[in-house]
């Protein structure tokens, strides 16, 4: 079995931390586990290549009449540029992005 490396986008940290902030009771139970997990996963860079790709994706989706959220555009662009798979349960939005590989581990 081939083992593939897992990466995270910087925005993922914000999304996870936001989820913990709005649910303090749950945060108490899982925060240390989340911190350990986040600290063990390599953060992908976001620079001019990814920004250019994000602009292209956003423009394409707007012209197609099927835009997605700004954060999702940035995550998708980073994955496309680096030829990575986005693991998400938000398949409905991400499947609109051309050349993006997605997997939903919740449905496995």
PDB file of N, CA and C in Angstrom:
ATOM      1  N   UNK A   1       0.845  -1.180   0.000  1.00  0.00           N
ATOM      2  CA  UNK A   1       0.000   0.000   0.000  1.00  0.00           C
ATOM      3  C   UNK A   1       0.888   1.240   0.000  1.00  0.00           C
ATOM      4  N   UNK A   2       0.583   2.174  -0.879  1.00  0.00           N
ATOM      5  CA  UNK A   2       1.364   3.403  -0.965  1.00  0.00           C
ATOM      6  C   UNK A   2       0.877   4.406   0.074  1.00  0.00           C
ATOM      7  N   UNK A   3       1.819   4.986   0.807  1.00  0.00           N
ATOM      8  CA  UNK A   3       1.474   6.002   1.797  1.00  0.00           C
ATOM      9  C   UNK A   3       1.701   7.369   1.184  1.00  0.00           C
ATOM     10  N   UNK A   4       0.716   8.206   1.260  1.00  0.00           N
ATOM     11  CA  UNK A   4       0.830   9.545   0.724  1.00  0.00           C
ATOM     12  C   UNK A   4       0.875  10.542   1.865  1.00  0.00           C
ATOM     13  N   UNK A   5       1.624  11.594   1.657  1.00  0.00           N
ATOM     14  CA  UNK A   5       1.774  12.620   2.673  1.00  0.00           C
ATOM     15  C   UNK A   5       0.517  13.485   2.718  1.00  0.00           C
ATOM     16  N   UNK A   6       0.167  13.916   3.904  1.00  0.00           N
ATOM     17  CA  UNK A   6      -0.990  14.786   4.107  1.00  0.00           C
ATOM     18  C   UNK A   6      -0.480  16.196   4.355  1.00  0.00           C
ATOM     19  N   UNK A   7      -1.127  17.166   3.711  1.00  0.00           N
ATOM     20  CA  UNK A   7      -0.789  18.571   3.874  1.00  0.00           C
ATOM     21  C   UNK A   7      -2.027  19.320   4.330  1.00  0.00           C
ATOM     22  N   UNK A   8      -1.806  20.535   4.817  1.00  0.00           N
ATOM     23  CA  UNK A   8      -2.946  21.375   5.148  1.00  0.00           C
ATOM     24  C   UNK A   8      -2.708  22.773   4.619  1.00  0.00           C
ATOM     25  N   UNK A   9      -3.793  23.430   4.311  1.00  0.00           N
ATOM     26  CA  UNK A   9      -3.750  24.817   3.859  1.00  0.00           C
ATOM     27  C   UNK A   9      -3.800  25.710   5.093  1.00  0.00           C
ATOM     28  N   UNK A  10      -3.137  26.861   5.079  1.00  0.00           N
ATOM     29  CA  UNK A  10      -3.206  27.757   6.241  1.00  0.00           C
ATOM     30  C   UNK A  10      -4.640  28.113   6.637  1.00  0.00           C
ATOM     31  N   UNK A  11      -5.539  28.211   5.664  1.00  0.00           N
ATOM     32  CA  UNK A  11      -6.932  28.537   5.977  1.00  0.00           C
ATOM     33  C   UNK A  11      -7.629  27.434   6.760  1.00  0.00           C
ATOM     34  N   UNK A  12      -7.155  26.223   6.614  1.00  0.00           N
ATOM     35  CA  UNK A  12      -7.745  25.116   7.358  1.00  0.00           C
ATOM     36  C   UNK A  12      -7.600  25.338   8.857  1.00  0.00           C
ATOM     37  N   UNK A  13      -6.468  25.873   9.259  1.00  0.00           N
ATOM     38  CA  UNK A  13      -6.254  26.167  10.676  1.00  0.00           C
ATOM     39  C   UNK A  13      -7.303  27.160  11.157  1.00  0.00           C
ATOM     40  N   UNK A  14      -7.526  28.214  10.378  1.00  0.00           N
ATOM     41  CA  UNK A  14      -8.534  29.210  10.740  1.00  0.00           C
ATOM     42  C   UNK A  14      -9.913  28.571  10.856  1.00  0.00           C
ATOM     43  N   UNK A  15     -10.271  27.733   9.896  1.00  0.00           N
ATOM     44  CA  UNK A  15     -11.593  27.117   9.920  1.00  0.00           C
ATOM     45  C   UNK A  15     -11.767  26.207  11.138  1.00  0.00           C
ATOM     46  N   UNK A  16     -10.742  25.431  11.456  1.00  0.00           N
ATOM     47  CA  UNK A  16     -10.810  24.546  12.623  1.00  0.00           C
ATOM     48  C   UNK A  16     -10.880  25.360  13.908  1.00  0.00           C
ATOM     49  N   UNK A  17     -10.029  26.379  14.023  1.00  0.00           N
ATOM     50  CA  UNK A  17     -10.022  27.222  15.227  1.00  0.00           C
ATOM     51  C   UNK A  17     -11.347  27.969  15.389  1.00  0.00           C
ATOM     52  N   UNK A  18     -11.926  28.391  14.292  1.00  0.00           N
ATOM     53  CA  UNK A  18     -13.237  29.046  14.339  1.00  0.00           C
ATOM     54  C   UNK A  18     -14.281  28.072  14.878  1.00  0.00           C
ATOM     55  N   UNK A  19     -14.264  26.848  14.372  1.00  0.00           N
ATOM     56  CA  UNK A  19     -15.200  25.839  14.856  1.00  0.00           C
ATOM     57  C   UNK A  19     -15.069  25.599  16.349  1.00  0.00           C
ATOM     58  N   UNK A  20     -13.849  25.588  16.848  1.00  0.00           N
ATOM     59  CA  UNK A  20     -13.631  25.419  18.284  1.00  0.00           C
ATOM     60  C   UNK A  20     -14.111  26.644  19.059  1.00  0.00           C
ATOM     61  N   UNK A  21     -13.881  27.833  18.505  1.00  0.00           N
ATOM     62  CA  UNK A  21     -14.260  29.072  19.194  1.00  0.00           C
ATOM     63  C   UNK A  21     -15.769  29.211  19.349  1.00  0.00           C
ATOM     64  N   UNK A  22     -16.523  28.723  18.379  1.00  0.00           N
ATOM     65  CA  UNK A  22     -17.982  28.868  18.476  1.00  0.00           C
ATOM     66  C   UNK A  22     -18.633  27.727  19.247  1.00  0.00           C
ATOM     67  N   UNK A  23     -17.846  26.732  19.621  1.00  0.00           N
ATOM     68  CA  UNK A  23     -18.375  25.621  20.400  1.00  0.00           C
ATOM     69  C   UNK A  23     -17.405  25.293  21.537  1.00  0.00           C
ATOM     70  N   UNK A  24     -17.337  26.184  22.545  1.00  0.00           N
ATOM     71  CA  UNK A  24     -16.349  26.011  23.613  1.00  0.00           C
ATOM     72  C   UNK A  24     -16.473  24.701  24.384  1.00  0.00           C
ATOM     73  N   UNK A  25     -17.686  24.184  24.527  1.00  0.00           N
ATOM     74  CA  UNK A  25     -17.850  22.918  25.254  1.00  0.00           C
ATOM     75  C   UNK A  25     -17.163  21.778  24.514  1.00  0.00           C
ATOM     76  N   UNK A  26     -17.325  21.760  23.216  1.00  0.00           N
ATOM     77  CA  UNK A  26     -16.661  20.725  22.429  1.00  0.00           C
ATOM     78  C   UNK A  26     -15.156  20.966  22.397  1.00  0.00           C
ATOM     79  N   UNK A  27     -14.768  22.239  22.320  1.00  0.00           N
ATOM     80  CA  UNK A  27     -13.347  22.584  22.276  1.00  0.00           C
ATOM     81  C   UNK A  27     -12.606  22.023  23.481  1.00  0.00           C
ATOM     82  N   UNK A  28     -13.220  22.093  24.651  1.00  0.00           N
ATOM     83  CA  UNK A  28     -12.589  21.571  25.867  1.00  0.00           C
ATOM     84  C   UNK A  28     -12.254  20.089  25.695  1.00  0.00           C
ATOM     85  N   UNK A  29     -13.138  19.363  25.028  1.00  0.00           N
ATOM     86  CA  UNK A  29     -12.958  17.917  24.868  1.00  0.00           C
ATOM     87  C   UNK A  29     -11.908  17.552  23.819  1.00  0.00           C
ATOM     88  N   UNK A  30     -11.824  18.336  22.745  1.00  0.00           N
ATOM     89  CA  UNK A  30     -10.988  17.898  21.617  1.00  0.00           C
ATOM     90  C   UNK A  30      -9.829  18.828  21.261  1.00  0.00           C
ATOM     91  N   UNK A  31      -9.689  19.954  21.933  1.00  0.00           N
ATOM     92  CA  UNK A  31      -8.677  20.931  21.531  1.00  0.00           C
ATOM     93  C   UNK A  31      -7.261  20.357  21.522  1.00  0.00           C
ATOM     94  N   UNK A  32      -6.882  19.605  22.525  1.00  0.00           N
ATOM     95  CA  UNK A  32      -5.508  19.080  22.556  1.00  0.00           C
ATOM     96  C   UNK A  32      -5.269  18.092  21.414  1.00  0.00           C
ATOM     97  N   UNK A  33      -6.276  17.306  21.086  1.00  0.00           N
ATOM     98  CA  UNK A  33      -6.156  16.367  19.962  1.00  0.00           C
ATOM     99  C   UNK A  33      -6.012  17.136  18.657  1.00  0.00           C
ATOM    100  N   UNK A  34      -6.841  18.165  18.486  1.00  0.00           N
ATOM    101  CA  UNK A  34      -6.792  18.991  17.275  1.00  0.00           C
ATOM    102  C   UNK A  34      -5.427  19.660  17.149  1.00  0.00           C
ATOM    103  N   UNK A  35      -4.917  20.215  18.243  1.00  0.00           N
ATOM    104  CA  UNK A  35      -3.604  20.879  18.219  1.00  0.00           C
ATOM    105  C   UNK A  35      -2.507  19.899  17.812  1.00  0.00           C
ATOM    106  N   UNK A  36      -2.538  18.707  18.369  1.00  0.00           N
ATOM    107  CA  UNK A  36      -1.545  17.691  18.024  1.00  0.00           C
ATOM    108  C   UNK A  36      -1.630  17.343  16.547  1.00  0.00           C
ATOM    109  N   UNK A  37      -2.830  17.148  16.056  1.00  0.00           N
ATOM    110  CA  UNK A  37      -3.027  16.823  14.646  1.00  0.00           C
ATOM    111  C   UNK A  37      -2.536  17.949  13.747  1.00  0.00           C
ATOM    112  N   UNK A  38      -2.973  19.177  14.022  1.00  0.00           N
ATOM    113  CA  UNK A  38      -2.577  20.306  13.182  1.00  0.00           C
ATOM    114  C   UNK A  38      -1.066  20.513  13.185  1.00  0.00           C
ATOM    115  N   UNK A  39      -0.444  20.329  14.334  1.00  0.00           N
ATOM    116  CA  UNK A  39       1.005  20.525  14.429  1.00  0.00           C
ATOM    117  C   UNK A  39       1.807  19.433  13.733  1.00  0.00           C
ATOM    118  N   UNK A  40       1.171  18.308  13.443  1.00  0.00           N
ATOM    119  CA  UNK A  40       1.886  17.198  12.810  1.00  0.00           C
ATOM    120  C   UNK A  40       1.760  17.194  11.287  1.00  0.00           C
ATOM    121  N   UNK A  41       0.996  18.125  10.740  1.00  0.00           N
ATOM    122  CA  UNK A  41       0.746  18.147   9.298  1.00  0.00           C
ATOM    123  C   UNK A  41       1.434  19.360   8.677  1.00  0.00           C
ATOM    124  N   UNK A  42       2.143  19.127   7.588  1.00  0.00           N
ATOM    125  CA  UNK A  42       2.868  20.182   6.883  1.00  0.00           C
ATOM    126  C   UNK A  42       1.906  21.210   6.291  1.00  0.00           C
ATOM    127  N   UNK A  43       2.249  22.487   6.476  1.00  0.00           N
ATOM    128  CA  UNK A  43       1.445  23.572   5.906  1.00  0.00           C
ATOM    129  C   UNK A  43       1.950  23.863   4.501  1.00  0.00           C
ATOM    130  N   UNK A  44       1.035  23.900   3.547  1.00  0.00           N
ATOM    131  CA  UNK A  44       1.402  24.264   2.181  1.00  0.00           C
ATOM    132  C   UNK A  44       1.576  25.774   2.075  1.00  0.00           C
ATOM    133  N   UNK A  45       2.533  26.215   1.268  1.00  0.00           N
ATOM    134  CA  UNK A  45       2.688  27.656   1.073  1.00  0.00           C
ATOM    135  C   UNK A  45       1.585  28.209   0.171  1.00  0.00           C
ATOM    136  N   UNK A  46       1.335  29.489   0.316  1.00  0.00           N
ATOM    137  CA  UNK A  46       0.425  30.194  -0.589  1.00  0.00           C
ATOM    138  C   UNK A  46       1.161  31.438  -1.051  1.00  0.00           C
ATOM    139  N   UNK A  47       1.535  31.449  -2.342  1.00  0.00           N
ATOM    140  CA  UNK A  47       2.250  32.608  -2.860  1.00  0.00           C
ATOM    141  C   UNK A  47       1.661  33.040  -4.193  1.00  0.00           C
ATOM    142  N   UNK A  48       2.457  33.687  -5.022  1.00  0.00           N
ATOM    143  CA  UNK A  48       1.916  34.278  -6.253  1.00  0.00           C
ATOM    144  C   UNK A  48       1.377  33.243  -7.238  1.00  0.00           C
ATOM    145  N   UNK A  49       1.973  32.055  -7.299  1.00  0.00           N
ATOM    146  CA  UNK A  49       1.452  31.017  -8.205  1.00  0.00           C
ATOM    147  C   UNK A  49       0.041  30.607  -7.801  1.00  0.00           C
ATOM    148  N   UNK A  50      -0.127  30.383  -6.517  1.00  0.00           N
ATOM    149  CA  UNK A  50      -1.443  29.982  -6.017  1.00  0.00           C
ATOM    150  C   UNK A  50      -2.449  31.121  -6.160  1.00  0.00           C
ATOM    151  N   UNK A  51      -2.000  32.350  -5.931  1.00  0.00           N
ATOM    152  CA  UNK A  51      -2.892  33.505  -6.076  1.00  0.00           C
ATOM    153  C   UNK A  51      -3.362  33.656  -7.519  1.00  0.00           C
ATOM    154  N   UNK A  52      -2.467  33.472  -8.460  1.00  0.00           N
ATOM    155  CA  UNK A  52      -2.828  33.547  -9.888  1.00  0.00           C
ATOM    156  C   UNK A  52      -3.827  32.445 -10.239  1.00  0.00           C
ATOM    157  N   UNK A  53      -3.575  31.246  -9.748  1.00  0.00           N
ATOM    158  CA  UNK A  53      -4.500  30.133 -10.001  1.00  0.00           C
ATOM    159  C   UNK A  53      -5.861  30.415  -9.380  1.00  0.00           C
ATOM    160  N   UNK A  54      -5.867  30.981  -8.184  1.00  0.00           N
ATOM    161  CA  UNK A  54      -7.131  31.325  -7.520  1.00  0.00           C
ATOM    162  C   UNK A  54      -7.913  32.338  -8.339  1.00  0.00           C
ATOM    163  N   UNK A  55      -7.221  33.322  -8.886  1.00  0.00           N
ATOM    164  CA  UNK A  55      -7.894  34.320  -9.728  1.00  0.00           C
ATOM    165  C   UNK A  55      -8.511  33.660 -10.954  1.00  0.00           C
ATOM    166  N   UNK A  56      -7.791  32.726 -11.557  1.00  0.00           N
ATOM    167  CA  UNK A  56      -8.310  32.020 -12.733  1.00  0.00           C
ATOM    168  C   UNK A  56      -9.538  31.181 -12.377  1.00  0.00           C
ATOM    169  N   UNK A  57      -9.465  30.466 -11.283  1.00  0.00           N
ATOM    170  CA  UNK A  57     -10.594  29.635 -10.845  1.00  0.00           C
ATOM    171  C   UNK A  57     -11.802  30.503 -10.529  1.00  0.00           C
ATOM    172  N   UNK A  58     -11.576  31.564  -9.767  1.00  0.00           N
ATOM    173  CA  UNK A  58     -12.688  32.442  -9.376  1.00  0.00           C
ATOM    174  C   UNK A  58     -13.351  33.057 -10.597  1.00  0.00           C
ATOM    175  N   UNK A  59     -12.540  33.523 -11.547  1.00  0.00           N
ATOM    176  CA  UNK A  59     -13.068  34.116 -12.775  1.00  0.00           C
ATOM    177  C   UNK A  59     -13.869  33.094 -13.577  1.00  0.00           C
ATOM    178  N   UNK A  60     -13.309  31.900 -13.737  1.00  0.00           N
ATOM    179  CA  UNK A  60     -13.994  30.847 -14.490  1.00  0.00           C
ATOM    180  C   UNK A  60     -15.345  30.507 -13.867  1.00  0.00           C
ATOM    181  N   UNK A  61     -15.354  30.310 -12.555  1.00  0.00           N
ATOM    182  CA  UNK A  61     -16.591  29.920 -11.879  1.00  0.00           C
ATOM    183  C   UNK A  61     -17.626  31.039 -11.901  1.00  0.00           C
ATOM    184  N   UNK A  62     -17.181  32.286 -11.782  1.00  0.00           N
ATOM    185  CA  UNK A  62     -18.121  33.407 -11.850  1.00  0.00           C
ATOM    186  C   UNK A  62     -18.746  33.480 -13.237  1.00  0.00           C
ATOM    187  N   UNK A  63     -17.931  33.349 -14.278  1.00  0.00           N
ATOM    188  CA  UNK A  63     -18.449  33.384 -15.646  1.00  0.00           C
ATOM    189  C   UNK A  63     -19.384  32.213 -15.922  1.00  0.00           C
ATOM    190  N   UNK A  64     -19.138  31.091 -15.265  1.00  0.00           N
ATOM    191  CA  UNK A  64     -19.995  29.912 -15.433  1.00  0.00           C
ATOM    192  C   UNK A  64     -21.265  30.012 -14.595  1.00  0.00           C
ATOM    193  N   UNK A  65     -21.347  31.042 -13.749  1.00  0.00           N
ATOM    194  CA  UNK A  65     -22.521  31.208 -12.895  1.00  0.00           C
ATOM    195  C   UNK A  65     -22.564  30.246 -11.728  1.00  0.00           C
ATOM    196  N   UNK A  66     -21.404  29.720 -11.339  1.00  0.00           N
ATOM    197  CA  UNK A  66     -21.370  28.770 -10.224  1.00  0.00           C
ATOM    198  C   UNK A  66     -20.199  29.056  -9.287  1.00  0.00           C
ATOM    199  N   UNK A  67     -20.157  30.261  -8.711  1.00  0.00           N
ATOM    200  CA  UNK A  67     -19.044  30.595  -7.822  1.00  0.00           C
ATOM    201  C   UNK A  67     -19.057  29.753  -6.547  1.00  0.00           C
ATOM    202  N   UNK A  68     -17.894  29.680  -5.928  1.00  0.00           N
ATOM    203  CA  UNK A  68     -17.773  29.022  -4.627  1.00  0.00           C
ATOM    204  C   UNK A  68     -17.182  30.029  -3.648  1.00  0.00           C
ATOM    205  N   UNK A  69     -17.162  29.676  -2.376  1.00  0.00           N
ATOM    206  CA  UNK A  69     -16.656  30.576  -1.346  1.00  0.00           C
ATOM    207  C   UNK A  69     -15.199  30.961  -1.566  1.00  0.00           C
ATOM    208  N   UNK A  70     -14.852  32.159  -1.124  1.00  0.00           N
ATOM    209  CA  UNK A  70     -13.497  32.681  -1.323  1.00  0.00           C
ATOM    210  C   UNK A  70     -12.434  31.779  -0.694  1.00  0.00           C
ATOM    211  N   UNK A  71     -12.690  31.282   0.499  1.00  0.00           N
ATOM    212  CA  UNK A  71     -11.712  30.396   1.142  1.00  0.00           C
ATOM    213  C   UNK A  71     -11.535  29.119   0.326  1.00  0.00           C
ATOM    214  N   UNK A  72     -12.638  28.585  -0.172  1.00  0.00           N
ATOM    215  CA  UNK A  72     -12.569  27.358  -0.956  1.00  0.00           C
ATOM    216  C   UNK A  72     -11.797  27.567  -2.255  1.00  0.00           C
ATOM    217  N   UNK A  73     -11.917  28.753  -2.854  1.00  0.00           N
ATOM    218  CA  UNK A  73     -11.144  29.065  -4.063  1.00  0.00           C
ATOM    219  C   UNK A  73      -9.651  29.010  -3.751  1.00  0.00           C
ATOM    220  N   UNK A  74      -9.250  29.579  -2.627  1.00  0.00           N
ATOM    221  CA  UNK A  74      -7.831  29.600  -2.256  1.00  0.00           C
ATOM    222  C   UNK A  74      -7.305  28.195  -1.968  1.00  0.00           C
ATOM    223  N   UNK A  75      -8.106  27.402  -1.291  1.00  0.00           N
ATOM    224  CA  UNK A  75      -7.725  26.013  -1.002  1.00  0.00           C
ATOM    225  C   UNK A  75      -7.627  25.216  -2.299  1.00  0.00           C
ATOM    226  N   UNK A  76      -8.608  25.371  -3.175  1.00  0.00           N
ATOM    227  CA  UNK A  76      -8.612  24.655  -4.453  1.00  0.00           C
ATOM    228  C   UNK A  76      -7.406  25.040  -5.305  1.00  0.00           C
ATOM    229  N   UNK A  77      -7.107  26.321  -5.369  1.00  0.00           N
ATOM    230  CA  UNK A  77      -5.974  26.787  -6.171  1.00  0.00           C
ATOM    231  C   UNK A  77      -4.666  26.182  -5.676  1.00  0.00           C
ATOM    232  N   UNK A  78      -4.502  26.128  -4.381  1.00  0.00           N
ATOM    233  CA  UNK A  78      -3.288  25.553  -3.802  1.00  0.00           C
ATOM    234  C   UNK A  78      -3.169  24.077  -4.165  1.00  0.00           C
ATOM    235  N   UNK A  79      -4.276  23.368  -4.108  1.00  0.00           N
ATOM    236  CA  UNK A  79      -4.266  21.944  -4.457  1.00  0.00           C
ATOM    237  C   UNK A  79      -3.974  21.736  -5.940  1.00  0.00           C
ATOM    238  N   UNK A  80      -4.582  22.538  -6.798  1.00  0.00           N
ATOM    239  CA  UNK A  80      -4.357  22.400  -8.243  1.00  0.00           C
ATOM    240  C   UNK A  80      -2.889  22.655  -8.575  1.00  0.00           C
ATOM    241  N   UNK A  81      -2.332  23.747  -8.058  1.00  0.00           N
ATOM    242  CA  UNK A  81      -0.936  24.099  -8.344  1.00  0.00           C
ATOM    243  C   UNK A  81       0.025  23.003  -7.883  1.00  0.00           C
ATOM    244  N   UNK A  82      -0.254  22.407  -6.749  1.00  0.00           N
ATOM    245  CA  UNK A  82       0.639  21.392  -6.178  1.00  0.00           C
ATOM    246  C   UNK A  82       0.260  19.965  -6.546  1.00  0.00           C
ATOM    247  N   UNK A  83      -0.790  19.823  -7.376  1.00  0.00           N
ATOM    248  CA  UNK A  83      -1.276  18.510  -7.802  1.00  0.00           C
ATOM    249  C   UNK A  83      -1.614  17.615  -6.606  1.00  0.00           C
ATOM    250  N   UNK A  84      -2.350  18.200  -5.659  1.00  0.00           N
ATOM    251  CA  UNK A  84      -2.791  17.472  -4.476  1.00  0.00           C
ATOM    252  C   UNK A  84      -4.294  17.230  -4.534  1.00  0.00           C
ATOM    253  N   UNK A  85      -4.746  16.319  -3.722  1.00  0.00           N
ATOM    254  CA  UNK A  85      -6.164  16.002  -3.592  1.00  0.00           C
ATOM    255  C   UNK A  85      -6.720  16.786  -2.412  1.00  0.00           C
ATOM    256  N   UNK A  86      -7.899  17.394  -2.592  1.00  0.00           N
ATOM    257  CA  UNK A  86      -8.586  18.058  -1.486  1.00  0.00           C
ATOM    258  C   UNK A  86      -9.496  17.031  -0.828  1.00  0.00           C
ATOM    259  N   UNK A  87      -9.283  16.801   0.451  1.00  0.00           N
ATOM    260  CA  UNK A  87     -10.154  15.914   1.217  1.00  0.00           C
ATOM    261  C   UNK A  87     -11.186  16.796   1.894  1.00  0.00           C
ATOM    262  N   UNK A  88     -12.459  16.571   1.553  1.00  0.00           N
ATOM    263  CA  UNK A  88     -13.530  17.443   2.030  1.00  0.00           C
ATOM    264  C   UNK A  88     -14.857  16.708   2.027  1.00  0.00           C
ATOM    265  N   UNK A  89     -15.751  17.152   2.882  1.00  0.00           N
ATOM    266  CA  UNK A  89     -17.132  16.673   2.787  1.00  0.00           C
ATOM    267  C   UNK A  89     -17.968  17.680   1.998  1.00  0.00           C
ATOM    268  N   UNK A  90     -17.354  18.785   1.605  1.00  0.00           N
ATOM    269  CA  UNK A  90     -18.024  19.822   0.823  1.00  0.00           C
ATOM    270  C   UNK A  90     -17.801  19.568  -0.672  1.00  0.00           C
ATOM    271  N   UNK A  91     -18.151  18.387  -1.103  1.00  0.00           N
ATOM    272  CA  UNK A  91     -17.938  17.977  -2.484  1.00  0.00           C
ATOM    273  C   UNK A  91     -18.719  18.862  -3.446  1.00  0.00           C
ATOM    274  N   UNK A  92     -19.907  19.274  -3.062  1.00  0.00           N
ATOM    275  CA  UNK A  92     -20.771  20.052  -3.949  1.00  0.00           C
ATOM    276  C   UNK A  92     -20.080  21.318  -4.468  1.00  0.00           C
ATOM    277  N   UNK A  93     -19.363  22.018  -3.604  1.00  0.00           N
ATOM    278  CA  UNK A  93     -18.665  23.230  -4.047  1.00  0.00           C
ATOM    279  C   UNK A  93     -17.389  22.885  -4.805  1.00  0.00           C
ATOM    280  N   UNK A  94     -16.563  22.036  -4.233  1.00  0.00           N
ATOM    281  CA  UNK A  94     -15.255  21.777  -4.824  1.00  0.00           C
ATOM    282  C   UNK A  94     -15.337  21.062  -6.170  1.00  0.00           C
ATOM    283  N   UNK A  95     -16.392  20.296  -6.419  1.00  0.00           N
ATOM    284  CA  UNK A  95     -16.479  19.590  -7.698  1.00  0.00           C
ATOM    285  C   UNK A  95     -16.660  20.540  -8.876  1.00  0.00           C
ATOM    286  N   UNK A  96     -16.974  21.792  -8.618  1.00  0.00           N
ATOM    287  CA  UNK A  96     -17.112  22.788  -9.689  1.00  0.00           C
ATOM    288  C   UNK A  96     -15.767  23.255 -10.233  1.00  0.00           C
ATOM    289  N   UNK A  97     -14.703  22.997  -9.513  1.00  0.00           N
ATOM    290  CA  UNK A  97     -13.381  23.509  -9.886  1.00  0.00           C
ATOM    291  C   UNK A  97     -12.724  22.561 -10.886  1.00  0.00           C
ATOM    292  N   UNK A  98     -12.401  23.077 -12.086  1.00  0.00           N
ATOM    293  CA  UNK A  98     -11.752  22.225 -13.084  1.00  0.00           C
ATOM    294  C   UNK A  98     -10.369  21.761 -12.619  1.00  0.00           C
ATOM    295  N   UNK A  99     -10.028  20.556 -12.986  1.00  0.00           N
ATOM    296  CA  UNK A  99      -8.706  19.974 -12.715  1.00  0.00           C
ATOM    297  C   UNK A  99      -8.398  19.790 -11.233  1.00  0.00           C
ATOM    298  N   UNK A 100      -9.420  19.796 -10.401  1.00  0.00           N
ATOM    299  CA  UNK A 100      -9.219  19.592  -8.968  1.00  0.00           C
ATOM    300  C   UNK A 100      -9.625  18.170  -8.603  1.00  0.00           C
ATOM    301  N   UNK A 101      -8.732  17.476  -7.917  1.00  0.00           N
ATOM    302  CA  UNK A 101      -9.034  16.139  -7.426  1.00  0.00           C
ATOM    303  C   UNK A 101      -9.602  16.268  -6.018  1.00  0.00           C
ATOM    304  N   UNK A 102     -10.719  15.609  -5.768  1.00  0.00           N
ATOM    305  CA  UNK A 102     -11.333  15.670  -4.441  1.00  0.00           C
ATOM    306  C   UNK A 102     -11.669  14.268  -3.954  1.00  0.00           C
ATOM    307  N   UNK A 103     -11.669  14.117  -2.637  1.00  0.00           N
ATOM    308  CA  UNK A 103     -12.103  12.883  -1.985  1.00  0.00           C
ATOM    309  C   UNK A 103     -12.908  13.255  -0.754  1.00  0.00           C
ATOM    310  N   UNK A 104     -13.951  12.487  -0.510  1.00  0.00           N
ATOM    311  CA  UNK A 104     -14.763  12.658   0.686  1.00  0.00           C
ATOM    312  C   UNK A 104     -14.541  11.441   1.567  1.00  0.00           C
ATOM    313  N   UNK A 105     -13.736  11.592   2.607  1.00  0.00           N
ATOM    314  CA  UNK A 105     -13.426  10.467   3.485  1.00  0.00           C
ATOM    315  C   UNK A 105     -14.594  10.105   4.383  1.00  0.00           C
ATOM    316  N   UNK A 106     -15.561  10.972   4.517  1.00  0.00           N
ATOM    317  CA  UNK A 106     -16.744  10.645   5.331  1.00  0.00           C
ATOM    318  C   UNK A 106     -17.623   9.611   4.643  1.00  0.00           C
ATOM    319  N   UNK A 107     -17.538   9.533   3.321  1.00  0.00           N
ATOM    320  CA  UNK A 107     -18.397   8.599   2.592  1.00  0.00           C
ATOM    321  C   UNK A 107     -17.717   7.256   2.357  1.00  0.00           C
ATOM    322  N   UNK A 108     -16.499   7.097   2.861  1.00  0.00           N
ATOM    323  CA  UNK A 108     -15.750   5.846   2.648  1.00  0.00           C
ATOM    324  C   UNK A 108     -16.215   4.795   3.621  1.00  0.00           C
TER     325      UNK A 108
END
